[in-house]
C-alpha atoms as a PDB file:
ATOM      1  CA  MET A   1      29.322   1.527 -13.981  1.00  0.00           C
ATOM      2  CA  LYS A   2      25.100   2.214 -14.511  1.00  0.00           C
ATOM      3  CA  GLU A   3      22.761   3.665 -12.553  1.00  0.00           C
ATOM      4  CA  ILE A   4      20.244   3.072 -10.485  1.00  0.00           C
ATOM      5  CA  GLU A   5      16.850   3.978  -7.875  1.00  0.00           C
ATOM      6  CA  LEU A   6      16.744   2.615  -4.874  1.00  0.00           C
ATOM      7  CA  LYS A   7      12.645   3.583  -4.057  1.00  0.00           C
ATOM      8  CA  LEU A   8      11.040   3.725  -1.307  1.00  0.00           C
ATOM      9  CA  ASN A   9       7.385   1.572  -1.076  1.00  0.00           C
ATOM     10  CA  LEU A  10       6.354   1.035   2.291  1.00  0.00           C
ATOM     11  CA  VAL A  11       8.678   1.680   5.480  1.00  0.00           C
ATOM     12  CA  ARG A  12       6.565   0.255   8.624  1.00  0.00           C
ATOM     13  CA  PRO A  13       8.693  -0.257  12.384  1.00  0.00           C
ATOM     14  CA  LYS A  14      10.080  -4.047  11.673  1.00  0.00           C
ATOM     15  CA  PHE A  15      10.441  -3.611   7.912  1.00  0.00           C
ATOM     16  CA  ALA A  16      11.093  -1.811   5.047  1.00  0.00           C
ATOM     17  CA  ASP A  17       9.863  -3.212   0.771  1.00  0.00           C
ATOM     18  CA  ILE A  18      12.971  -0.799  -1.686  1.00  0.00           C
ATOM     19  CA  ASP A  19      11.512  -0.945  -5.322  1.00  0.00           C
ATOM     20  CA  VAL A  20      15.548  -1.536  -7.145  1.00  0.00           C
ATOM     21  CA  ILE A  21      14.955   0.095 -11.004  1.00  0.00           C
ATOM     22  CA  ASP A  22      17.219  -0.199 -13.378  1.00  0.00           C
ATOM     23  CA  ASN A  23      15.518   1.785 -16.389  1.00  0.00           C
ATOM     24  CA  LEU A  24      18.306   4.606 -17.011  1.00  0.00           C
ATOM     25  CA  ASP A  25      19.324   3.258 -20.359  1.00  0.00           C
ATOM     26  CA  GLN A  26      17.296   2.854 -23.031  1.00  0.00           C
ATOM     27  CA  GLY A  27      17.817  -0.639 -23.184  1.00  0.00           C
ATOM     28  CA  GLY A  28      14.881  -3.023 -21.153  1.00  0.00           C
ATOM     29  CA  ARG A  29      13.998  -2.259 -17.499  1.00  0.00           C
ATOM     30  CA  LYS A  30      15.468  -4.187 -15.017  1.00  0.00           C
ATOM     31  CA  ARG A  31      13.190  -4.615 -11.821  1.00  0.00           C
ATOM     32  CA  CYS A  32      13.079  -6.267  -7.839  1.00  0.00           C
ATOM     33  CA  THR A  33      12.006  -5.582  -4.081  1.00  0.00           C
ATOM     34  CA  ILE A  34      13.942  -6.262  -1.499  1.00  0.00           C
ATOM     35  CA  THR A  35      12.428  -6.327   1.867  1.00  0.00           C
ATOM     36  CA  VAL A  36      14.731  -5.131   4.574  1.00  0.00           C
ATOM     37  CA  ASP A  37      14.086  -6.893   7.902  1.00  0.00           C
ATOM     38  CA  TYR A  38      14.560  -4.000  11.135  1.00  0.00           C
ATOM     39  CA  SER A  39      12.732  -6.490  13.742  1.00  0.00           C
ATOM     40  CA  GLU A  40      13.598  -5.984  17.205  1.00  0.00           C
ATOM     41  CA  TYR A  41      15.493  -9.501  16.431  1.00  0.00           C
ATOM     42  CA  ASP A  42      17.318  -8.685  13.515  1.00  0.00           C
ATOM     43  CA  VAL A  43      18.695  -5.276  14.865  1.00  0.00           C
ATOM     44  CA  LYS A  44      19.335  -7.104  18.417  1.00  0.00           C
ATOM     45  CA  SER A  45      21.618 -10.129  16.677  1.00  0.00           C
ATOM     46  CA  LEU A  46      23.738  -7.562  15.083  1.00  0.00           C
ATOM     47  CA  ILE A  47      24.103  -5.436  18.577  1.00  0.00           C
ATOM     48  CA  ARG A  48      25.105  -8.992  20.337  1.00  0.00           C
ATOM     49  CA  GLU A  49      27.501  -9.740  17.188  1.00  0.00           C
ATOM     50  CA  GLY A  50      29.223  -6.226  18.688  1.00  0.00           C
ATOM     51  CA  LEU A  51      27.683  -3.429  15.991  1.00  0.00           C
ATOM     52  CA  ASP A  52      26.980   0.175  17.121  1.00  0.00           C
ATOM     53  CA  LEU A  53      24.393   2.026  14.871  1.00  0.00           C
ATOM     54  CA  GLU A  54      26.555   3.216  11.936  1.00  0.00           C
ATOM     55  CA  GLY A  55      28.276  -0.331  11.889  1.00  0.00           C
ATOM     56  CA  ALA A  56      24.353  -2.037  11.539  1.00  0.00           C
ATOM     57  CA  MET A  57      23.131   0.904   8.814  1.00  0.00           C
ATOM     58  CA  ALA A  58      26.329  -0.286   7.473  1.00  0.00           C
ATOM     59  CA  HIS A  59      25.174  -3.633   7.513  1.00  0.00           C
ATOM     60  CA  TYR A  60      22.137  -2.878   5.936  1.00  0.00           C
ATOM     61  CA  LYS A  61      23.921  -1.543   3.216  1.00  0.00           C
ATOM     62  CA  GLU A  62      25.369  -3.804   2.395  1.00  0.00           C
ATOM     63  CA  ARG A  63      23.140  -6.411   2.279  1.00  0.00           C
ATOM     64  CA  ILE A  64      21.334  -4.395   0.383  1.00  0.00           C
ATOM     65  CA  THR A  65      24.269  -4.378  -2.264  1.00  0.00           C
ATOM     66  CA  TYR A  66      24.661  -7.883  -2.177  1.00  0.00           C
ATOM     67  CA  ILE A  67      21.479  -8.647  -3.095  1.00  0.00           C
ATOM     68  CA  VAL A  68      21.570  -6.339  -6.177  1.00  0.00           C
ATOM     69  CA  LYS A  69      24.709  -7.293  -7.196  1.00  0.00           C
ATOM     70  CA  ARG A  70      23.934 -11.179  -6.955  1.00  0.00           C
ATOM     71  CA  TYR A  71      20.498 -10.026  -9.176  1.00  0.00           C
ATOM     72  CA  LEU A  72      20.739  -7.472 -11.226  1.00  0.00           C
ATOM     73  CA  LEU A  73      24.093  -5.351 -11.965  1.00  0.00           C
ATOM     74  CA  THR A  74      27.131  -6.536 -10.700  1.00  0.00           C
ATOM     75  CA  ASP A  75      28.492  -2.251 -10.933  1.00  0.00           C
ATOM     76  CA  PHE A  76      26.389   0.141 -10.401  1.00  0.00           C
ATOM     77  CA  GLU A  77      25.916   3.038  -8.415  1.00  0.00           C
ATOM     78  CA  VAL A  78      22.630   4.313  -6.506  1.00  0.00           C
ATOM     79  CA  LYS A  79      21.566   7.497  -8.558  1.00  0.00           C
ATOM     80  CA  GLY A  80      20.960  10.383  -5.685  1.00  0.00           C
ATOM     81  CA  GLY A  81      23.280   8.395  -2.967  1.00  0.00           C
ATOM     82  CA  TRP A  82      22.324   6.355  -0.156  1.00  0.00           C
ATOM     83  CA  ASP A  83      21.083   9.187   2.275  1.00  0.00           C
ATOM     84  CA  ASP A  84      17.507   8.685   1.675  1.00  0.00           C
ATOM     85  CA  VAL A  85      16.825   5.156   1.493  1.00  0.00           C
ATOM     86  CA  LEU A  86      19.174   4.468   4.127  1.00  0.00           C
ATOM     87  CA  GLY A  87      18.358   7.393   6.493  1.00  0.00           C
ATOM     88  CA  ALA A  88      15.025   6.377   5.951  1.00  0.00           C
ATOM     89  CA  ILE A  89      15.496   2.720   8.108  1.00  0.00           C
ATOM     90  CA  ARG A  90      18.079   4.541  10.272  1.00  0.00           C
ATOM     91  CA  PRO A  91      15.271   6.248  12.864  1.00  0.00           C
ATOM     92  CA  TYR A  92      13.383   2.012  13.409  1.00  0.00           C
ATOM     93  CA  VAL A  93      16.893   0.810  13.909  1.00  0.00           C
ATOM     94  CA  LYS A  94      18.240   4.042  16.450  1.00  0.00           C
ATOM     95  CA  LYS A  95      15.756   3.397  18.248  1.00  0.00           C
ATOM     96  CA  TYR A  96      16.832  -0.255  19.678  1.00  0.00           C
ATOM     97  CA  TYR A  97      20.512   0.867  20.388  1.00  0.00           C
ATOM     98  CA  GLN A  98      18.338   4.058  22.517  1.00  0.00           C
ATOM     99  CA  GLU A  99      17.529   1.359  25.123  1.00  0.00           C
END
């Protein structure tokens, strides 16, 4: 299993850009940026599907995982865990659950 970094480049009220960096080995460096949308439309569609806040956060984690596996690595873990990335977008998603 390979360790990658997920770094937040930009967090805005409707989306976040996450920089995915695979440079922890001596080999070549792979990198991509993932844009995670959590606009009102996106989150309200998750609510209509019956997802609570934790379900929505699991949805975003699954989407990021899918993209990394599709384009970079199939077997990976996030250096330092998911808390930094998901914790940064949670307040923006949470506000739609408080309405």
